[in-house]
All heavy atoms as atom14 arrays in JSON, in Angstrom:
{
  "sequence": "DNQKKEQIIIMYAVDRVYNHYYAGLTGRMQFTNLDPRSGDGSLDIL",
  "atom14_mask": [
    [1, 1, 1, 1, 1, 1, 1, 1, 0, 0, 0, 0, 0, 0],
    [1, 1, 1, 1, 1, 1, 1, 1, 0, 0, 0, 0, 0, 0],
    [1, 1, 1, 1, 1, 1, 1, 1, 1, 0, 0, 0, 0, 0],
    [1, 1, 1, 1, 1, 1, 1, 1, 1, 0, 0, 0, 0, 0],
    [1, 1, 1, 1, 1, 1, 1, 1, 1, 0, 0, 0, 0, 0],
    [1, 1, 1, 1, 1, 1, 1, 1, 1, 0, 0, 0, 0, 0],
    [1, 1, 1, 1, 1, 1, 1, 1, 1, 0, 0, 0, 0, 0],
    [1, 1, 1, 1, 1, 1, 1, 1, 0, 0, 0, 0, 0, 0],
    [1, 1, 1, 1, 1, 1, 1, 1, 0, 0, 0, 0, 0, 0],
    [1, 1, 1, 1, 1, 1, 1, 1, 0, 0, 0, 0, 0, 0],
    [1, 1, 1, 1, 1, 1, 1, 1, 0, 0, 0, 0, 0, 0],
    [1, 1, 1, 1, 1, 1, 1, 1, 1, 1, 1, 1, 0, 0],
    [1, 1, 1, 1, 1, 0, 0, 0, 0, 0, 0, 0, 0, 0],
    [1, 1, 1, 1, 1, 1, 1, 0, 0, 0, 0, 0, 0, 0],
    [1, 1, 1, 1, 1, 1, 1, 1, 0, 0, 0, 0, 0, 0],
    [1, 1, 1, 1, 1, 1, 1, 1, 1, 1, 1, 0, 0, 0],
    [1, 1, 1, 1, 1, 1, 1, 0, 0, 0, 0, 0, 0, 0],
    [1, 1, 1, 1, 1, 1, 1, 1, 1, 1, 1, 1, 0, 0],
    [1, 1, 1, 1, 1, 1, 1, 1, 0, 0, 0, 0, 0, 0],
    [1, 1, 1, 1, 1, 1, 1, 1, 1, 1, 0, 0, 0, 0],
    [1, 1, 1, 1, 1, 1, 1, 1, 1, 1, 1, 1, 0, 0],
    [1, 1, 1, 1, 1, 1, 1, 1, 1, 1, 1, 1, 0, 0],
    [1, 1, 1, 1, 1, 0, 0, 0, 0, 0, 0, 0, 0, 0],
    [1, 1, 1, 1, 0, 0, 0, 0, 0, 0, 0, 0, 0, 0],
    [1, 1, 1, 1, 1, 1, 1, 1, 0, 0, 0, 0, 0, 0],
    [1, 1, 1, 1, 1, 1, 1, 0, 0, 0, 0, 0, 0, 0],
    [1, 1, 1, 1, 0, 0, 0, 0, 0, 0, 0, 0, 0, 0],
    [1, 1, 1, 1, 1, 1, 1, 1, 1, 1, 1, 0, 0, 0],
    [1, 1, 1, 1, 1, 1, 1, 1, 0, 0, 0, 0, 0, 0],
    [1, 1, 1, 1, 1, 1, 1, 1, 1, 0, 0, 0, 0, 0],
    [1, 1, 1, 1, 1, 1, 1, 1, 1, 1, 1, 0, 0, 0],
    [1, 1, 1, 1, 1, 1, 1, 0, 0, 0, 0, 0, 0, 0],
    [1, 1, 1, 1, 1, 1, 1, 1, 0, 0, 0, 0, 0, 0],
    [1, 1, 1, 1, 1, 1, 1, 1, 0, 0, 0, 0, 0, 0],
    [1, 1, 1, 1, 1, 1, 1, 1, 0, 0, 0, 0, 0, 0],
    [1, 1, 1, 1, 1, 1, 1, 0, 0, 0, 0, 0, 0, 0],
    [1, 1, 1, 1, 1, 1, 1, 1, 1, 1, 1, 0, 0, 0],
    [1, 1, 1, 1, 1, 1, 0, 0, 0, 0, 0, 0, 0, 0],
    [1, 1, 1, 1, 0, 0, 0, 0, 0, 0, 0, 0, 0, 0],
    [1, 1, 1, 1, 1, 1, 1, 1, 0, 0, 0, 0, 0, 0],
    [1, 1, 1, 1, 0, 0, 0, 0, 0, 0, 0, 0, 0, 0],
    [1, 1, 1, 1, 1, 1, 0, 0, 0, 0, 0, 0, 0, 0],
    [1, 1, 1, 1, 1, 1, 1, 1, 0, 0, 0, 0, 0, 0],
    [1, 1, 1, 1, 1, 1, 1, 1, 0, 0, 0, 0, 0, 0],
    [1, 1, 1, 1, 1, 1, 1, 1, 0, 0, 0, 0, 0, 0],
    [1, 1, 1, 1, 1, 1, 1, 1, 0, 0, 0, 0, 0, 0]
  ],
  "atom14_positions": [
    [[118.65, 106.19, 145.77], [117.82, 105.82, 146.95], [116.42, 105.48, 146.44], [115.66, 106.34, 145.9], [117.83, 107.04, 147.94], [116.95, 106.87, 149.04], [116.28, 105.77, 149.14], [116.94, 107.69, 150.0], [0.0, 0.0, 0.0], [0.0, 0.0, 0.0], [0.0, 0.0, 0.0], [0.0, 0.0, 0.0], [0.0, 0.0, 0.0], [0.0, 0.0, 0.0]],
    [[116.02, 104.26, 146.66], [114.65, 103.83, 146.11], [113.49, 104.56, 146.78], [112.38, 104.54, 146.22], [114.47, 102.36, 146.41], [115.42, 101.51, 145.49], [115.87, 101.94, 144.45], [115.78, 100.39, 146.01], [0.0, 0.0, 0.0], [0.0, 0.0, 0.0], [0.0, 0.0, 0.0], [0.0, 0.0, 0.0], [0.0, 0.0, 0.0], [0.0, 0.0, 0.0]],
    [[113.76, 105.18, 147.89], [112.62, 105.93, 148.54], [112.3, 107.21, 147.84], [111.23, 107.75, 147.96], [113.06, 106.23, 150.06], [113.47, 105.09, 150.83], [112.38, 103.98, 150.86], [111.2, 104.28, 151.13], [112.76, 102.71, 150.49], [0.0, 0.0, 0.0], [0.0, 0.0, 0.0], [0.0, 0.0, 0.0], [0.0, 0.0, 0.0], [0.0, 0.0, 0.0]],
    [[113.26, 107.72, 147.07], [112.99, 109.02, 146.38], [112.37, 108.8, 145.06], [112.52, 107.84, 144.43], [114.3, 109.73, 146.25], [115.04, 110.12, 147.56], [116.09, 111.22, 147.35], [116.57, 111.72, 148.68], [118.03, 111.56, 148.8], [0.0, 0.0, 0.0], [0.0, 0.0, 0.0], [0.0, 0.0, 0.0], [0.0, 0.0, 0.0], [0.0, 0.0, 0.0]],
    [[111.66, 109.9, 144.59], [111.01, 109.81, 143.32], [111.95, 110.14, 142.16], [112.84, 110.9, 142.33], [109.83, 110.86, 143.26], [108.57, 110.35, 143.97], [107.49, 111.35, 144.07], [107.22, 111.97, 142.7], [106.12, 112.98, 142.7], [0.0, 0.0, 0.0], [0.0, 0.0, 0.0], [0.0, 0.0, 0.0], [0.0, 0.0, 0.0], [0.0, 0.0, 0.0]],
    [[111.51, 109.54, 140.95], [112.34, 109.93, 139.8], [112.15, 111.4, 139.57], [111.13, 112.0, 139.87], [111.73, 109.22, 138.56], [111.6, 107.79, 138.63], [111.0, 107.16, 137.33], [110.29, 107.88, 136.6], [111.24, 105.98, 137.1], [0.0, 0.0, 0.0], [0.0, 0.0, 0.0], [0.0, 0.0, 0.0], [0.0, 0.0, 0.0], [0.0, 0.0, 0.0]],
    [[113.18, 111.98, 138.96], [113.16, 113.42, 138.7], [113.19, 113.67, 137.15], [114.1, 113.24, 136.52], [114.47, 114.04, 139.33], [114.64, 115.5, 139.09], [113.74, 116.37, 139.94], [113.68, 116.21, 141.13], [113.05, 117.29, 139.28], [0.0, 0.0, 0.0], [0.0, 0.0, 0.0], [0.0, 0.0, 0.0], [0.0, 0.0, 0.0], [0.0, 0.0, 0.0]],
    [[112.13, 114.31, 136.65], [112.11, 114.66, 135.2], [113.25, 115.74, 135.0], [113.22, 116.68, 135.71], [110.83, 115.19, 134.79], [109.73, 114.07, 134.87], [110.9, 115.75, 133.36], [108.33, 114.57, 134.5], [0.0, 0.0, 0.0], [0.0, 0.0, 0.0], [0.0, 0.0, 0.0], [0.0, 0.0, 0.0], [0.0, 0.0, 0.0], [0.0, 0.0, 0.0]],
    [[114.08, 115.54, 134.02], [115.12, 116.6, 133.81], [114.86, 117.38, 132.5], [115.19, 118.45, 132.45], [116.56, 115.99, 133.79], [116.67, 114.76, 132.92], [116.91, 115.6, 135.26], [118.09, 114.26, 132.88], [0.0, 0.0, 0.0], [0.0, 0.0, 0.0], [0.0, 0.0, 0.0], [0.0, 0.0, 0.0], [0.0, 0.0, 0.0], [0.0, 0.0, 0.0]],
    [[114.29, 116.63, 131.55], [113.9, 117.36, 130.23], [112.73, 116.59, 129.56], [112.76, 115.37, 129.75], [115.15, 117.55, 129.3], [114.91, 118.56, 128.21], [115.66, 116.21, 128.79], [116.14, 118.92, 127.37], [0.0, 0.0, 0.0], [0.0, 0.0, 0.0], [0.0, 0.0, 0.0], [0.0, 0.0, 0.0], [0.0, 0.0, 0.0], [0.0, 0.0, 0.0]],
    [[111.99, 117.33, 128.8], [110.76, 116.69, 128.24], [110.48, 117.37, 126.94], [110.63, 118.61, 126.78], [109.69, 116.9, 129.26], [108.4, 116.28, 128.99], [107.44, 116.47, 130.47], [105.84, 116.12, 129.83], [0.0, 0.0, 0.0], [0.0, 0.0, 0.0], [0.0, 0.0, 0.0], [0.0, 0.0, 0.0], [0.0, 0.0, 0.0], [0.0, 0.0, 0.0]],
    [[110.04, 116.59, 125.99], [109.45, 117.04, 124.73], [108.01, 116.65, 124.65], [107.77, 115.49, 124.75], [110.27, 116.46, 123.52], [109.71, 116.89, 122.21], [110.11, 118.06, 121.61], [108.76, 116.14, 121.55], [109.64, 118.43, 120.35], [108.24, 116.48, 120.26], [108.7, 117.65, 119.72], [108.14, 118.03, 118.5], [0.0, 0.0, 0.0], [0.0, 0.0, 0.0]],
    [[107.15, 117.6, 124.53], [105.65, 117.25, 124.51], [104.99, 118.38, 123.66], [105.22, 119.52, 123.84], [105.11, 117.23, 125.9], [0.0, 0.0, 0.0], [0.0, 0.0, 0.0], [0.0, 0.0, 0.0], [0.0, 0.0, 0.0], [0.0, 0.0, 0.0], [0.0, 0.0, 0.0], [0.0, 0.0, 0.0], [0.0, 0.0, 0.0], [0.0, 0.0, 0.0]],
    [[104.09, 117.88, 122.79], [103.24, 118.76, 122.02], [104.17, 119.83, 121.33], [103.95, 121.04, 121.49], [102.09, 119.45, 122.76], [101.05, 120.01, 121.83], [101.44, 118.41, 123.72], [0.0, 0.0, 0.0], [0.0, 0.0, 0.0], [0.0, 0.0, 0.0], [0.0, 0.0, 0.0], [0.0, 0.0, 0.0], [0.0, 0.0, 0.0], [0.0, 0.0, 0.0]],
    [[105.25, 119.36, 120.68], [106.13, 120.21, 119.9], [106.91, 121.27, 120.73], [107.34, 122.23, 120.16], [105.37, 120.96, 118.79], [104.66, 119.97, 117.82], [105.13, 118.8, 117.82], [103.73, 120.34, 117.13], [0.0, 0.0, 0.0], [0.0, 0.0, 0.0], [0.0, 0.0, 0.0], [0.0, 0.0, 0.0], [0.0, 0.0, 0.0], [0.0, 0.0, 0.0]],
    [[107.02, 121.06, 121.98], [107.8, 122.01, 122.83], [108.74, 121.23, 123.77], [108.46, 120.12, 124.13], [106.84, 122.83, 123.74], [106.34, 124.09, 123.02], [105.72, 125.06, 124.01], [106.68, 125.52, 124.94], [106.4, 126.19, 126.06], [105.16, 126.41, 126.41], [107.38, 126.61, 126.86], [0.0, 0.0, 0.0], [0.0, 0.0, 0.0], [0.0, 0.0, 0.0]],
    [[109.85, 121.89, 123.98], [110.88, 121.33, 124.93], [110.66, 122.02, 126.3], [110.55, 123.26, 126.38], [112.39, 121.55, 124.43], [113.33, 121.21, 125.47], [112.52, 120.82, 123.12], [0.0, 0.0, 0.0], [0.0, 0.0, 0.0], [0.0, 0.0, 0.0], [0.0, 0.0, 0.0], [0.0, 0.0, 0.0], [0.0, 0.0, 0.0], [0.0, 0.0, 0.0]],
    [[110.62, 121.25, 127.36], [110.54, 121.72, 128.73], [111.79, 121.25, 129.45], [112.01, 120.08, 129.59], [109.28, 121.1, 129.4], [107.98, 121.57, 128.68], [107.48, 120.74, 127.66], [107.3, 122.68, 129.02], [106.28, 121.1, 126.99], [106.11, 123.03, 128.39], [105.61, 122.24, 127.33], [104.49, 122.59, 126.68], [0.0, 0.0, 0.0], [0.0, 0.0, 0.0]],
    [[112.54, 122.24, 129.85], [113.84, 121.82, 130.48], [114.21, 122.6, 131.75], [115.3, 122.71, 132.1], [115.02, 122.0, 129.43], [115.14, 123.44, 128.99], [114.42, 124.28, 129.47], [115.99, 123.68, 128.02], [0.0, 0.0, 0.0], [0.0, 0.0, 0.0], [0.0, 0.0, 0.0], [0.0, 0.0, 0.0], [0.0, 0.0, 0.0], [0.0, 0.0, 0.0]],
    [[113.15, 123.01, 132.42], [113.43, 123.81, 133.64], [113.08, 123.06, 134.94], [112.89, 123.64, 135.95], [112.62, 125.1, 133.55], [111.15, 124.85, 133.32], [110.65, 124.77, 132.04], [110.1, 124.54, 134.15], [109.34, 124.47, 132.1], [108.96, 124.32, 133.36], [0.0, 0.0, 0.0], [0.0, 0.0, 0.0], [0.0, 0.0, 0.0], [0.0, 0.0, 0.0]],
    [[112.92, 121.75, 134.88], [112.46, 120.93, 136.03], [113.56, 120.64, 136.94], [113.32, 120.45, 138.15], [111.91, 119.62, 135.55], [110.67, 119.7, 134.68], [110.73, 119.55, 133.33], [109.47, 120.02, 135.25], [109.62, 119.65, 132.52], [108.35, 120.12, 134.41], [108.38, 119.96, 133.11], [107.29, 120.06, 132.33], [0.0, 0.0, 0.0], [0.0, 0.0, 0.0]],
    [[114.82, 120.57, 136.5], [115.89, 120.12, 137.38], [117.04, 121.13, 137.4], [117.78, 121.23, 136.48], [116.38, 118.8, 136.78], [117.38, 118.0, 137.71], [116.98, 117.55, 138.93], [118.67, 117.8, 137.22], [117.92, 116.9, 139.71], [119.56, 117.14, 137.94], [119.22, 116.68, 139.26], [120.1, 116.06, 140.03], [0.0, 0.0, 0.0], [0.0, 0.0, 0.0]],
    [[117.04, 121.79, 138.54], [118.06, 122.89, 138.6], [119.5, 122.46, 138.42], [120.31, 123.23, 137.89], [117.89, 123.6, 139.97], [0.0, 0.0, 0.0], [0.0, 0.0, 0.0], [0.0, 0.0, 0.0], [0.0, 0.0, 0.0], [0.0, 0.0, 0.0], [0.0, 0.0, 0.0], [0.0, 0.0, 0.0], [0.0, 0.0, 0.0], [0.0, 0.0, 0.0]],
    [[119.79, 121.26, 138.87], [121.17, 120.76, 138.81], [121.78, 120.72, 137.38], [122.96, 120.78, 137.19], [0.0, 0.0, 0.0], [0.0, 0.0, 0.0], [0.0, 0.0, 0.0], [0.0, 0.0, 0.0], [0.0, 0.0, 0.0], [0.0, 0.0, 0.0], [0.0, 0.0, 0.0], [0.0, 0.0, 0.0], [0.0, 0.0, 0.0], [0.0, 0.0, 0.0]],
    [[120.9, 120.68, 136.37], [121.38, 120.57, 134.97], [120.94, 121.81, 134.12], [121.21, 121.86, 132.94], [120.81, 119.31, 134.3], [121.54, 118.01, 134.71], [120.8, 116.8, 134.24], [122.98, 118.01, 134.18], [0.0, 0.0, 0.0], [0.0, 0.0, 0.0], [0.0, 0.0, 0.0], [0.0, 0.0, 0.0], [0.0, 0.0, 0.0], [0.0, 0.0, 0.0]],
    [[120.32, 122.75, 134.74], [119.81, 123.92, 133.95], [120.95, 124.59, 133.16], [122.02, 124.86, 133.72], [119.15, 124.95, 134.88], [118.04, 124.28, 135.51], [118.57, 126.09, 134.07], [0.0, 0.0, 0.0], [0.0, 0.0, 0.0], [0.0, 0.0, 0.0], [0.0, 0.0, 0.0], [0.0, 0.0, 0.0], [0.0, 0.0, 0.0], [0.0, 0.0, 0.0]],
    [[120.72, 124.73, 131.84], [121.74, 125.45, 131.02], [122.86, 124.46, 130.55], [123.7, 124.86, 129.77], [0.0, 0.0, 0.0], [0.0, 0.0, 0.0], [0.0, 0.0, 0.0], [0.0, 0.0, 0.0], [0.0, 0.0, 0.0], [0.0, 0.0, 0.0], [0.0, 0.0, 0.0], [0.0, 0.0, 0.0], [0.0, 0.0, 0.0], [0.0, 0.0, 0.0]],
    [[122.83, 123.21, 131.05], [123.91, 122.28, 130.65], [123.36, 121.03, 129.85], [124.11, 120.14, 129.6], [124.66, 121.79, 131.91], [125.4, 122.83, 132.59], [126.38, 122.32, 133.59], [125.71, 121.59, 134.7], [125.91, 120.29, 134.89], [126.77, 119.58, 134.2], [125.26, 119.62, 135.88], [0.0, 0.0, 0.0], [0.0, 0.0, 0.0], [0.0, 0.0, 0.0]],
    [[122.09, 121.08, 129.51], [121.55, 119.92, 128.82], [120.65, 120.37, 127.72], [120.05, 121.48, 127.73], [120.74, 119.03, 129.75], [119.6, 119.73, 130.34], [118.51, 118.72, 131.21], [117.53, 120.01, 131.99], [0.0, 0.0, 0.0], [0.0, 0.0, 0.0], [0.0, 0.0, 0.0], [0.0, 0.0, 0.0], [0.0, 0.0, 0.0], [0.0, 0.0, 0.0]],
    [[120.58, 119.49, 126.64], [119.7, 119.77, 125.54], [119.5, 118.47, 124.75], [120.26, 117.56, 124.89], [120.34, 120.85, 124.6], [121.63, 120.28, 123.94], [122.56, 121.38, 123.6], [122.64, 122.47, 124.11], [123.45, 121.05, 122.63], [0.0, 0.0, 0.0], [0.0, 0.0, 0.0], [0.0, 0.0, 0.0], [0.0, 0.0, 0.0], [0.0, 0.0, 0.0]],
    [[118.33, 118.5, 124.03], [118.16, 117.34, 123.14], [119.25, 117.48, 121.97], [119.49, 118.54, 121.57], [116.79, 117.37, 122.46], [115.71, 116.81, 123.37], [114.79, 117.66, 123.96], [115.65, 115.44, 123.64], [113.74, 117.17, 124.78], [114.62, 114.95, 124.51], [113.73, 115.78, 125.05], [0.0, 0.0, 0.0], [0.0, 0.0, 0.0], [0.0, 0.0, 0.0]],
    [[119.86, 116.35, 121.68], [120.95, 116.34, 120.63], [120.36, 116.92, 119.34], [120.97, 117.65, 118.65], [121.42, 114.91, 120.43], [121.84, 114.4, 121.76], [122.56, 114.89, 119.49], [0.0, 0.0, 0.0], [0.0, 0.0, 0.0], [0.0, 0.0, 0.0], [0.0, 0.0, 0.0], [0.0, 0.0, 0.0], [0.0, 0.0, 0.0], [0.0, 0.0, 0.0]],
    [[119.2, 116.44, 119.01], [118.49, 116.9, 117.77], [117.41, 118.03, 118.05], [116.64, 117.84, 118.97], [117.82, 115.7, 117.14], [117.47, 115.95, 115.67], [116.81, 116.91, 115.35], [117.86, 114.99, 114.82], [0.0, 0.0, 0.0], [0.0, 0.0, 0.0], [0.0, 0.0, 0.0], [0.0, 0.0, 0.0], [0.0, 0.0, 0.0], [0.0, 0.0, 0.0]],
    [[117.53, 119.1, 117.34], [116.61, 120.24, 117.62], [115.11, 119.8, 117.46], [114.23, 120.34, 118.04], [116.9, 121.37, 116.66], [118.18, 122.09, 117.02], [118.43, 123.22, 115.96], [118.08, 122.78, 118.39], [0.0, 0.0, 0.0], [0.0, 0.0, 0.0], [0.0, 0.0, 0.0], [0.0, 0.0, 0.0], [0.0, 0.0, 0.0], [0.0, 0.0, 0.0]],
    [[114.93, 118.73, 116.53], [113.63, 118.26, 116.29], [113.55, 116.75, 116.67], [113.77, 115.92, 115.83], [113.15, 118.42, 114.84], [111.72, 118.1, 114.63], [111.06, 117.73, 115.64], [111.32, 118.04, 113.46], [0.0, 0.0, 0.0], [0.0, 0.0, 0.0], [0.0, 0.0, 0.0], [0.0, 0.0, 0.0], [0.0, 0.0, 0.0], [0.0, 0.0, 0.0]],
    [[113.21, 116.51, 117.92], [113.14, 115.04, 118.38], [112.16, 114.17, 117.61], [112.26, 113.0, 117.64], [112.8, 115.14, 119.83], [113.16, 116.57, 120.29], [112.95, 117.39, 119.07], [0.0, 0.0, 0.0], [0.0, 0.0, 0.0], [0.0, 0.0, 0.0], [0.0, 0.0, 0.0], [0.0, 0.0, 0.0], [0.0, 0.0, 0.0], [0.0, 0.0, 0.0]],
    [[111.22, 114.82, 116.87], [110.26, 114.04, 116.12], [110.98, 113.25, 115.04], [110.41, 112.3, 114.49], [109.26, 115.03, 115.44], [108.23, 115.54, 116.35], [107.36, 116.58, 115.72], [108.1, 117.63, 115.11], [107.59, 118.75, 114.55], [106.35, 118.87, 114.48], [108.34, 119.66, 114.06], [0.0, 0.0, 0.0], [0.0, 0.0, 0.0], [0.0, 0.0, 0.0]],
    [[112.21, 113.61, 114.7], [112.99, 112.92, 113.64], [113.34, 111.43, 114.04], [113.83, 110.72, 113.32], [114.28, 113.66, 113.43], [115.03, 113.66, 114.64], [0.0, 0.0, 0.0], [0.0, 0.0, 0.0], [0.0, 0.0, 0.0], [0.0, 0.0, 0.0], [0.0, 0.0, 0.0], [0.0, 0.0, 0.0], [0.0, 0.0, 0.0], [0.0, 0.0, 0.0]],
    [[113.0, 111.18, 115.34], [113.34, 109.75, 115.76], [114.6, 109.8, 116.63], [115.15, 108.72, 116.98], [0.0, 0.0, 0.0], [0.0, 0.0, 0.0], [0.0, 0.0, 0.0], [0.0, 0.0, 0.0], [0.0, 0.0, 0.0], [0.0, 0.0, 0.0], [0.0, 0.0, 0.0], [0.0, 0.0, 0.0], [0.0, 0.0, 0.0], [0.0, 0.0, 0.0]],
    [[115.05, 110.98, 117.04], [116.25, 111.11, 117.88], [115.89, 111.9, 119.15], [115.85, 113.08, 119.05], [117.42, 111.75, 117.11], [118.72, 111.71, 117.86], [118.75, 111.25, 119.06], [119.78, 112.13, 117.34], [0.0, 0.0, 0.0], [0.0, 0.0, 0.0], [0.0, 0.0, 0.0], [0.0, 0.0, 0.0], [0.0, 0.0, 0.0], [0.0, 0.0, 0.0]],
    [[115.81, 111.24, 120.25], [115.48, 111.86, 121.51], [116.74, 111.85, 122.42], [116.64, 111.99, 123.63], [0.0, 0.0, 0.0], [0.0, 0.0, 0.0], [0.0, 0.0, 0.0], [0.0, 0.0, 0.0], [0.0, 0.0, 0.0], [0.0, 0.0, 0.0], [0.0, 0.0, 0.0], [0.0, 0.0, 0.0], [0.0, 0.0, 0.0], [0.0, 0.0, 0.0]],
    [[117.9, 111.66, 121.81], [119.19, 111.64, 122.65], [119.39, 112.91, 123.4], [118.9, 113.99, 122.94], [120.38, 111.34, 121.64], [120.17, 110.16, 120.96], [0.0, 0.0, 0.0], [0.0, 0.0, 0.0], [0.0, 0.0, 0.0], [0.0, 0.0, 0.0], [0.0, 0.0, 0.0], [0.0, 0.0, 0.0], [0.0, 0.0, 0.0], [0.0, 0.0, 0.0]],
    [[120.12, 112.74, 124.48], [120.33, 113.89, 125.34], [121.83, 114.3, 125.51], [122.59, 113.39, 125.76], [119.82, 113.56, 126.76], [119.95, 114.57, 127.89], [119.19, 115.79, 127.7], [119.6, 113.95, 129.23], [0.0, 0.0, 0.0], [0.0, 0.0, 0.0], [0.0, 0.0, 0.0], [0.0, 0.0, 0.0], [0.0, 0.0, 0.0], [0.0, 0.0, 0.0]],
    [[122.16, 115.52, 125.27], [123.5, 116.06, 125.54], [123.57, 116.65, 126.92], [122.67, 117.51, 127.26], [123.89, 117.14, 124.51], [124.12, 116.58, 123.1], [124.27, 115.45, 123.02], [124.02, 117.45, 122.19], [0.0, 0.0, 0.0], [0.0, 0.0, 0.0], [0.0, 0.0, 0.0], [0.0, 0.0, 0.0], [0.0, 0.0, 0.0], [0.0, 0.0, 0.0]],
    [[124.64, 116.24, 127.67], [124.86, 116.97, 128.88], [126.26, 117.5, 128.76], [127.21, 116.83, 128.47], [124.82, 116.0, 130.19], [123.44, 115.35, 130.22], [125.06, 116.79, 131.44], [123.35, 114.28, 131.32], [0.0, 0.0, 0.0], [0.0, 0.0, 0.0], [0.0, 0.0, 0.0], [0.0, 0.0, 0.0], [0.0, 0.0, 0.0], [0.0, 0.0, 0.0]],
    [[126.36, 118.91, 129.01], [127.57, 119.59, 128.83], [128.32, 119.82, 130.16], [127.6, 119.82, 131.21], [127.41, 120.9, 128.19], [126.34, 120.88, 126.95], [125.94, 122.27, 126.54], [126.92, 120.1, 125.8], [0.0, 0.0, 0.0], [0.0, 0.0, 0.0], [0.0, 0.0, 0.0], [0.0, 0.0, 0.0], [0.0, 0.0, 0.0], [0.0, 0.0, 0.0]]
  ]
}
């Protein structure tokens, strides 16, 4: 629905992962790579 805002679901910023924004995926998602600075920001959804 174009009327609704985008929802941040996970974020990496200043060397920290923030993943508590979106209750629907809490505990079921993670960055594929523990260190996204490596050039891999892929997302796993379980």
